[in-house]
C-alpha atoms as a PDB file:
ATOM      1  CA  MET A   1      -3.305 -64.937  46.235  1.00  0.00           C
ATOM      2  CA  LEU A   2      -2.748 -63.252  49.166  1.00  0.00           C
ATOM      3  CA  GLU A   3      -1.043 -66.323  50.811  1.00  0.00           C
ATOM      4  CA  VAL A   4       1.358 -66.747  48.139  1.00  0.00           C
ATOM      5  CA  LYS A   5       2.691 -63.300  47.959  1.00  0.00           C
ATOM      6  CA  SER A   6       2.298 -63.365  52.327  1.00  0.00           C
ATOM      7  CA  THR A   7       4.772 -66.568  51.708  1.00  0.00           C
ATOM      8  CA  VAL A   8       6.877 -64.655  48.842  1.00  0.00           C
ATOM      9  CA  ILE A   9       7.154 -62.198  51.714  1.00  0.00           C
ATOM     10  CA  SER A  10       7.995 -64.263  54.241  1.00  0.00           C
ATOM     11  CA  ILE A  11      10.743 -66.005  52.667  1.00  0.00           C
ATOM     12  CA  TRP A  12      12.309 -62.345  51.267  1.00  0.00           C
ATOM     13  CA  ASP A  13      12.514 -61.327  55.435  1.00  0.00           C
ATOM     14  CA  LYS A  14      14.659 -64.466  55.466  1.00  0.00           C
ATOM     15  CA  LEU A  15      16.669 -63.913  52.689  1.00  0.00           C
ATOM     16  CA  VAL A  16      17.616 -60.283  54.091  1.00  0.00           C
ATOM     17  CA  GLU A  17      17.948 -61.544  57.654  1.00  0.00           C
ATOM     18  CA  LEU A  18      20.485 -64.254  56.654  1.00  0.00           C
ATOM     19  CA  GLU A  19      21.925 -61.613  54.131  1.00  0.00           C
ATOM     20  CA  SER A  20      22.464 -59.362  57.043  1.00  0.00           C
ATOM     21  CA  LYS A  21      23.812 -62.502  59.180  1.00  0.00           C
ATOM     22  CA  LEU A  22      26.380 -63.664  56.312  1.00  0.00           C
ATOM     23  CA  GLU A  23      27.481 -59.870  56.339  1.00  0.00           C
ATOM     24  CA  LYS A  24      28.544 -60.243  59.674  1.00  0.00           C
ATOM     25  CA  VAL A  25      30.401 -63.035  60.356  1.00  0.00           C
ATOM     26  CA  GLN A  26      31.970 -61.839  57.120  1.00  0.00           C
ATOM     27  CA  ASN A  27      33.119 -58.299  58.720  1.00  0.00           C
ATOM     28  CA  GLU A  28      33.993 -60.849  61.838  1.00  0.00           C
ATOM     29  CA  ASN A  29      36.086 -62.581  60.364  1.00  0.00           C
ATOM     30  CA  VAL A  30      38.233 -59.896  58.285  1.00  0.00           C
ATOM     31  CA  LYS A  31      38.533 -58.954  61.860  1.00  0.00           C
ATOM     32  CA  LEU A  32      39.681 -61.816  63.049  1.00  0.00           C
ATOM     33  CA  LYS A  33      42.519 -62.192  60.602  1.00  0.00           C
ATOM     34  CA  GLN A  34      43.565 -58.321  61.573  1.00  0.00           C
ATOM     35  CA  GLU A  35      43.788 -59.387  64.456  1.00  0.00           C
ATOM     36  CA  ASN A  36      45.425 -62.646  63.841  1.00  0.00           C
ATOM     37  CA  GLN A  37      48.319 -60.774  61.864  1.00  0.00           C
ATOM     38  CA  LYS A  38      48.682 -57.964  64.114  1.00  0.00           C
ATOM     39  CA  PHE A  39      49.152 -61.306  66.450  1.00  0.00           C
ATOM     40  CA  LYS A  40      51.707 -62.565  64.077  1.00  0.00           C
ATOM     41  CA  SER A  41      53.961 -59.716  63.535  1.00  0.00           C
ATOM     42  CA  LEU A  42      54.330 -58.824  67.155  1.00  0.00           C
ATOM     43  CA  MET A  43      55.951 -62.518  67.522  1.00  0.00           C
ATOM     44  CA  HIS A  44      57.720 -61.436  64.299  1.00  0.00           C
ATOM     45  CA  THR A  45      59.017 -58.277  66.349  1.00  0.00           C
ATOM     46  CA  GLU A  46      59.458 -60.437  69.312  1.00  0.00           C
ATOM     47  CA  TYR A  47      61.201 -63.056  68.313  1.00  0.00           C
ATOM     48  CA  PHE A  48      63.832 -60.636  66.042  1.00  0.00           C
ATOM     49  CA  GLN A  49      64.278 -57.918  68.779  1.00  0.00           C
ATOM     50  CA  THR A  50      66.203 -61.266  70.826  1.00  0.00           C
ATOM     51  CA  ASP A  51      67.930 -61.992  67.784  1.00  0.00           C
ATOM     52  CA  GLU A  52      68.938 -58.336  67.941  1.00  0.00           C
ATOM     53  CA  LEU A  53      70.353 -58.396  71.213  1.00  0.00           C
ATOM     54  CA  ASN A  54      72.993 -61.179  70.022  1.00  0.00           C
ATOM     55  CA  GLU A  55      73.398 -59.618  67.067  1.00  0.00           C
ATOM     56  CA  TYR A  56      74.902 -56.974  68.965  1.00  0.00           C
ATOM     57  CA  SER A  57      77.023 -58.933  71.286  1.00  0.00           C
ATOM     58  CA  ARG A  58      78.711 -59.883  67.846  1.00  0.00           C
ATOM     59  CA  ARG A  59      79.806 -57.005  67.033  1.00  0.00           C
ATOM     60  CA  GLU A  60      83.191 -57.549  67.172  1.00  0.00           C
ATOM     61  CA  ASN A  61      83.784 -60.875  66.173  1.00  0.00           C
ATOM     62  CA  VAL A  62      84.513 -62.390  62.739  1.00  0.00           C
ATOM     63  CA  ARG A  63      83.976 -65.691  60.910  1.00  0.00           C
ATOM     64  CA  ILE A  64      86.972 -67.102  59.270  1.00  0.00           C
ATOM     65  CA  PHE A  65      87.061 -70.072  56.679  1.00  0.00           C
ATOM     66  CA  GLY A  66      89.769 -72.226  54.899  1.00  0.00           C
ATOM     67  CA  ILE A  67      92.967 -71.921  57.159  1.00  0.00           C
ATOM     68  CA  PRO A  68      94.172 -75.194  58.272  1.00  0.00           C
ATOM     69  CA  GLU A  69      94.467 -76.288  61.053  1.00  0.00           C
ATOM     70  CA  ASP A  70      98.315 -77.347  63.077  1.00  0.00           C
ATOM     71  CA  TYR A  71      97.701 -79.276  65.975  1.00  0.00           C
ATOM     72  CA  THR A  72     101.461 -79.219  66.495  1.00  0.00           C
ATOM     73  CA  VAL A  73     101.254 -75.682  67.601  1.00  0.00           C
ATOM     74  CA  GLU A  74     100.834 -73.931  70.516  1.00  0.00           C
ATOM     75  CA  ASP A  75      98.485 -71.062  70.135  1.00  0.00           C
ATOM     76  CA  ASP A  76      98.036 -71.792  66.171  1.00  0.00           C
ATOM     77  CA  ASP A  77      94.357 -70.579  65.978  1.00  0.00           C
ATOM     78  CA  LYS A  78      95.849 -67.257  67.176  1.00  0.00           C
ATOM     79  CA  LYS A  79      98.970 -67.222  65.096  1.00  0.00           C
ATOM     80  CA  GLN A  80      97.504 -68.253  61.770  1.00  0.00           C
ATOM     81  CA  LEU A  81      94.655 -65.046  62.898  1.00  0.00           C
ATOM     82  CA  LEU A  82      98.010 -62.526  63.136  1.00  0.00           C
ATOM     83  CA  LYS A  83      99.323 -64.309  59.541  1.00  0.00           C
ATOM     84  CA  LEU A  84      96.293 -63.622  57.705  1.00  0.00           C
ATOM     85  CA  ALA A  85      96.501 -60.134  59.515  1.00  0.00           C
ATOM     86  CA  GLY A  86      99.689 -59.489  58.342  1.00  0.00           C
ATOM     87  CA  GLU A  87      98.445 -60.706  54.545  1.00  0.00           C
ATOM     88  CA  LEU A  88      95.319 -58.488  54.499  1.00  0.00           C
ATOM     89  CA  ASN A  89      97.895 -55.141  55.376  1.00  0.00           C
ATOM     90  CA  ILE A  90      96.265 -55.173  58.819  1.00  0.00           C
ATOM     91  CA  SER A  91      98.651 -53.825  62.242  1.00  0.00           C
ATOM     92  CA  LEU A  92      96.949 -56.564  65.104  1.00  0.00           C
ATOM     93  CA  GLN A  93      98.804 -57.433  67.532  1.00  0.00           C
ATOM     94  CA  GLU A  94      97.387 -60.196  69.886  1.00  0.00           C
ATOM     95  CA  LYS A  95      96.661 -57.664  72.777  1.00  0.00           C
ATOM     96  CA  GLY A  96      94.170 -56.609  69.649  1.00  0.00           C
ATOM     97  CA  ILE A  97      92.293 -60.148  70.278  1.00  0.00           C
ATOM     98  CA  GLN A  98      90.343 -60.575  73.103  1.00  0.00           C
ATOM     99  CA  ARG A  99      89.860 -63.851  71.877  1.00  0.00           C
ATOM    100  CA  VAL A 100      90.243 -66.965  69.091  1.00  0.00           C
ATOM    101  CA  HIS A 101      88.980 -70.605  68.299  1.00  0.00           C
ATOM    102  CA  ARG A 102      87.611 -73.235  65.668  1.00  0.00           C
ATOM    103  CA  LEU A 103      83.815 -73.563  65.819  1.00  0.00           C
ATOM    104  CA  ASP A 104      83.721 -76.685  67.098  1.00  0.00           C
ATOM    105  CA  LYS A 105      86.140 -78.802  68.215  1.00  0.00           C
ATOM    106  CA  LYS A 106      85.058 -81.976  68.076  1.00  0.00           C
ATOM    107  CA  LYS A 107      84.905 -82.491  65.070  1.00  0.00           C
ATOM    108  CA  ARG A 108      88.326 -82.001  64.204  1.00  0.00           C
ATOM    109  CA  SER A 109      89.597 -83.956  61.776  1.00  0.00           C
ATOM    110  CA  LYS A 110      92.966 -84.418  59.632  1.00  0.00           C
ATOM    111  CA  ALA A 111      91.341 -86.159  56.881  1.00  0.00           C
ATOM    112  CA  ALA A 112      88.551 -83.351  57.688  1.00  0.00           C
ATOM    113  CA  LYS A 113      88.057 -79.700  55.918  1.00  0.00           C
ATOM    114  CA  PRO A 114      89.287 -77.071  58.531  1.00  0.00           C
ATOM    115  CA  ILE A 115      87.016 -76.006  60.856  1.00  0.00           C
ATOM    116  CA  GLY A 116      86.249 -72.405  60.606  1.00  0.00           C
ATOM    117  CA  ILE A 117      87.201 -70.191  63.457  1.00  0.00           C
ATOM    118  CA  ILE A 118      86.115 -67.501  65.108  1.00  0.00           C
ATOM    119  CA  ALA A 119      87.795 -64.485  67.027  1.00  0.00           C
ATOM    120  CA  ARG A 120      86.577 -61.758  68.901  1.00  0.00           C
ATOM    121  CA  PHE A 121      88.948 -58.370  69.244  1.00  0.00           C
ATOM    122  CA  VAL A 122      89.310 -56.150  70.998  1.00  0.00           C
ATOM    123  CA  SER A 123      87.140 -52.704  68.946  1.00  0.00           C
ATOM    124  CA  TYR A 124      84.670 -52.977  66.754  1.00  0.00           C
ATOM    125  CA  ALA A 125      86.867 -51.299  63.937  1.00  0.00           C
ATOM    126  CA  LYS A 126      89.289 -53.933  63.707  1.00  0.00           C
ATOM    127  CA  LYS A 127      85.963 -56.471  62.883  1.00  0.00           C
ATOM    128  CA  LYS A 128      85.802 -53.353  60.505  1.00  0.00           C
ATOM    129  CA  GLU A 129      89.019 -53.692  58.987  1.00  0.00           C
ATOM    130  CA  PHE A 130      89.055 -57.456  58.498  1.00  0.00           C
ATOM    131  CA  ILE A 131      85.283 -57.638  56.909  1.00  0.00           C
ATOM    132  CA  GLU A 132      86.551 -54.446  54.206  1.00  0.00           C
ATOM    133  CA  LYS A 133      89.412 -55.905  53.345  1.00  0.00           C
ATOM    134  CA  ARG A 134      87.884 -59.214  52.801  1.00  0.00           C
ATOM    135  CA  LYS A 135      87.821 -58.550  48.952  1.00  0.00           C
ATOM    136  CA  LYS A 136      92.251 -58.859  48.731  1.00  0.00           C
ATOM    137  CA  LEU A 137      91.024 -62.817  49.171  1.00  0.00           C
ATOM    138  CA  LYS A 138      89.187 -63.572  46.449  1.00  0.00           C
ATOM    139  CA  GLY A 139      90.706 -66.039  44.680  1.00  0.00           C
ATOM    140  CA  THR A 140      92.004 -67.912  47.662  1.00  0.00           C
ATOM    141  CA  LYS A 141      89.981 -70.385  50.268  1.00  0.00           C
ATOM    142  CA  ILE A 142      90.501 -68.227  53.069  1.00  0.00           C
ATOM    143  CA  ALA A 143      86.838 -66.609  53.248  1.00  0.00           C
ATOM    144  CA  VAL A 144      86.410 -63.833  56.235  1.00  0.00           C
ATOM    145  CA  CYS A 145      82.705 -63.257  56.981  1.00  0.00           C
ATOM    146  CA  GLU A 146      80.250 -61.221  60.166  1.00  0.00           C
ATOM    147  CA  ASP A 147      79.257 -63.856  62.661  1.00  0.00           C
ATOM    148  CA  VAL A 148      75.922 -63.590  62.346  1.00  0.00           C
ATOM    149  CA  ALA A 149      72.964 -64.830  64.839  1.00  0.00           C
ATOM    150  CA  SER A 150      71.839 -68.187  63.406  1.00  0.00           C
ATOM    151  CA  THR A 151      68.025 -66.195  62.670  1.00  0.00           C
ATOM    152  CA  ARG A 152      69.843 -64.089  60.573  1.00  0.00           C
ATOM    153  CA  TYR A 153      72.167 -66.230  59.137  1.00  0.00           C
ATOM    154  CA  LYS A 154      68.994 -68.686  57.998  1.00  0.00           C
ATOM    155  CA  LEU A 155      67.133 -65.518  56.714  1.00  0.00           C
ATOM    156  CA  TYR A 156      70.403 -64.097  54.772  1.00  0.00           C
ATOM    157  CA  THR A 157      70.834 -67.380  53.105  1.00  0.00           C
ATOM    158  CA  TYR A 158      66.774 -68.053  52.068  1.00  0.00           C
ATOM    159  CA  LEU A 159      67.381 -64.928  51.029  1.00  0.00           C
ATOM    160  CA  GLN A 160      70.120 -65.370  49.147  1.00  0.00           C
ATOM    161  CA  ASN A 161      68.104 -68.252  46.820  1.00  0.00           C
ATOM    162  CA  HIS A 162      65.011 -65.973  46.934  1.00  0.00           C
ATOM    163  CA  PRO A 163      63.693 -65.288  42.921  1.00  0.00           C
ATOM    164  CA  SER A 164      62.419 -62.060  43.824  1.00  0.00           C
ATOM    165  CA  ILE A 165      66.343 -61.284  45.068  1.00  0.00           C
ATOM    166  CA  GLN A 166      68.968 -60.435  42.955  1.00  0.00           C
ATOM    167  CA  ASP A 167      71.883 -59.777  45.386  1.00  0.00           C
ATOM    168  CA  ALA A 168      72.280 -60.183  49.179  1.00  0.00           C
ATOM    169  CA  TYR A 169      74.741 -60.156  51.647  1.00  0.00           C
ATOM    170  CA  VAL A 170      76.105 -58.634  55.176  1.00  0.00           C
ATOM    171  CA  TRP A 171      77.802 -55.304  56.310  1.00  0.00           C
ATOM    172  CA  ASN A 172      77.204 -54.670  59.985  1.00  0.00           C
ATOM    173  CA  GLY A 173      74.774 -57.357  60.911  1.00  0.00           C
ATOM    174  CA  VAL A 174      72.343 -56.241  58.415  1.00  0.00           C
ATOM    175  CA  ILE A 175      71.484 -58.132  55.495  1.00  0.00           C
ATOM    176  CA  LYS A 176      71.809 -55.727  52.326  1.00  0.00           C
ATOM    177  CA  VAL A 177      69.316 -57.263  49.687  1.00  0.00           C
ATOM    178  CA  THR A 178      68.874 -56.120  46.044  1.00  0.00           C
ATOM    179  CA  TYR A 179      65.185 -56.055  45.214  1.00  0.00           C
ATOM    180  CA  LYS A 180      63.424 -54.493  42.122  1.00  0.00           C
ATOM    181  CA  ASN A 181      67.097 -53.047  41.311  1.00  0.00           C
ATOM    182  CA  THR A 182      67.631 -51.016  44.925  1.00  0.00           C
ATOM    183  CA  TRP A 183      68.955 -51.457  47.870  1.00  0.00           C
ATOM    184  CA  HIS A 184      67.284 -52.735  51.148  1.00  0.00           C
ATOM    185  CA  ASN A 185      67.771 -52.919  54.564  1.00  0.00           C
ATOM    186  CA  ILE A 186      66.299 -55.940  56.028  1.00  0.00           C
ATOM    187  CA  LYS A 187      66.309 -57.043  59.710  1.00  0.00           C
ATOM    188  CA  ASN A 188      63.258 -59.295  60.339  1.00  0.00           C
ATOM    189  CA  THR A 189      60.330 -60.758  57.920  1.00  0.00           C
ATOM    190  CA  ASP A 190      58.331 -57.933  59.002  1.00  0.00           C
ATOM    191  CA  ASP A 191      60.867 -56.006  56.861  1.00  0.00           C
ATOM    192  CA  LEU A 192      59.965 -58.567  53.675  1.00  0.00           C
ATOM    193  CA  PHE A 193      56.406 -58.069  53.918  1.00  0.00           C
ATOM    194  CA  GLN A 194      56.896 -54.447  53.914  1.00  0.00           C
ATOM    195  CA  LEU A 195      58.568 -54.831  50.560  1.00  0.00           C
ATOM    196  CA  ASN A 196      55.526 -57.777  49.593  1.00  0.00           C
ATOM    197  CA  ILE A 197      57.957 -60.147  49.103  1.00  0.00           C
ATOM    198  CA  ASP A 198      56.775 -63.611  49.549  1.00  0.00           C
ATOM    199  CA  ILE A 199      58.042 -66.092  52.392  1.00  0.00           C
ATOM    200  CA  ASN A 200      57.705 -70.152  51.841  1.00  0.00           C
ATOM    201  CA  TRP A 201      57.818 -70.154  55.832  1.00  0.00           C
ATOM    202  CA  LYS A 202      59.686 -74.386  56.041  1.00  0.00           C
ATOM    203  CA  GLU A 203      62.210 -73.195  53.584  1.00  0.00           C
ATOM    204  CA  LEU A 204      62.842 -70.380  55.895  1.00  0.00           C
ATOM    205  CA  GLY A 205      64.245 -73.313  58.370  1.00  0.00           C
ATOM    206  CA  VAL A 206      63.298 -71.081  61.187  1.00  0.00           C
ATOM    207  CA  LYS A 207      60.495 -73.992  63.742  1.00  0.00           C
ATOM    208  CA  PHE A 208      58.985 -71.466  65.273  1.00  0.00           C
ATOM    209  CA  LEU A 209      57.877 -69.324  62.616  1.00  0.00           C
ATOM    210  CA  ALA A 210      57.073 -71.857  60.519  1.00  0.00           C
ATOM    211  CA  ASP A 211      54.816 -73.275  63.325  1.00  0.00           C
ATOM    212  CA  LEU A 212      53.457 -69.986  63.512  1.00  0.00           C
ATOM    213  CA  HIS A 213      52.337 -69.841  59.950  1.00  0.00           C
ATOM    214  CA  ALA A 214      51.158 -73.325  59.768  1.00  0.00           C
ATOM    215  CA  GLU A 215      47.471 -73.645  58.243  1.00  0.00           C
END
């Protein structure tokens, strides 16, 4: 009887020891997950800080789509931009334009859809005026939008189709979204974490972030 009792006590002690070890492993696992999350958050911040610098360099830019091309006219893109400014009642002279060109001249084709135009103004105020008056183009084939950096543009298009987002647009390089009937500013994916919005990293289309979150 004493031997049985001794055996039971020994088994019990081992169970207690195993439970203690298991608890320690679980705590270490939680700690590792927290550290991993902090690392991912840091990588997100670093990645989007680079994007932020890129975004700032585009402050004076706009992209314009739907303007037909004329290969026979010299400086046609600039003339088209000045014409559009006049139609929008925007006072713009040639000296107010730093540069203007088609987004990808290699794809030019008379039979294809007109290639978009990117324009850079001397002043941010002029860019802002174009963005503010673009609503006058509603119903036409012409559209004016901000020149958003690649990563932020992918985030913007992703949020446009996100089931939890009611509305999304870009203003001054910042993505504005309506979530649960409230407007929020989104500059990076950390802002989405704060709102507890789920992210499908593959659908977002940013390879670096998809690889970072790959299982």
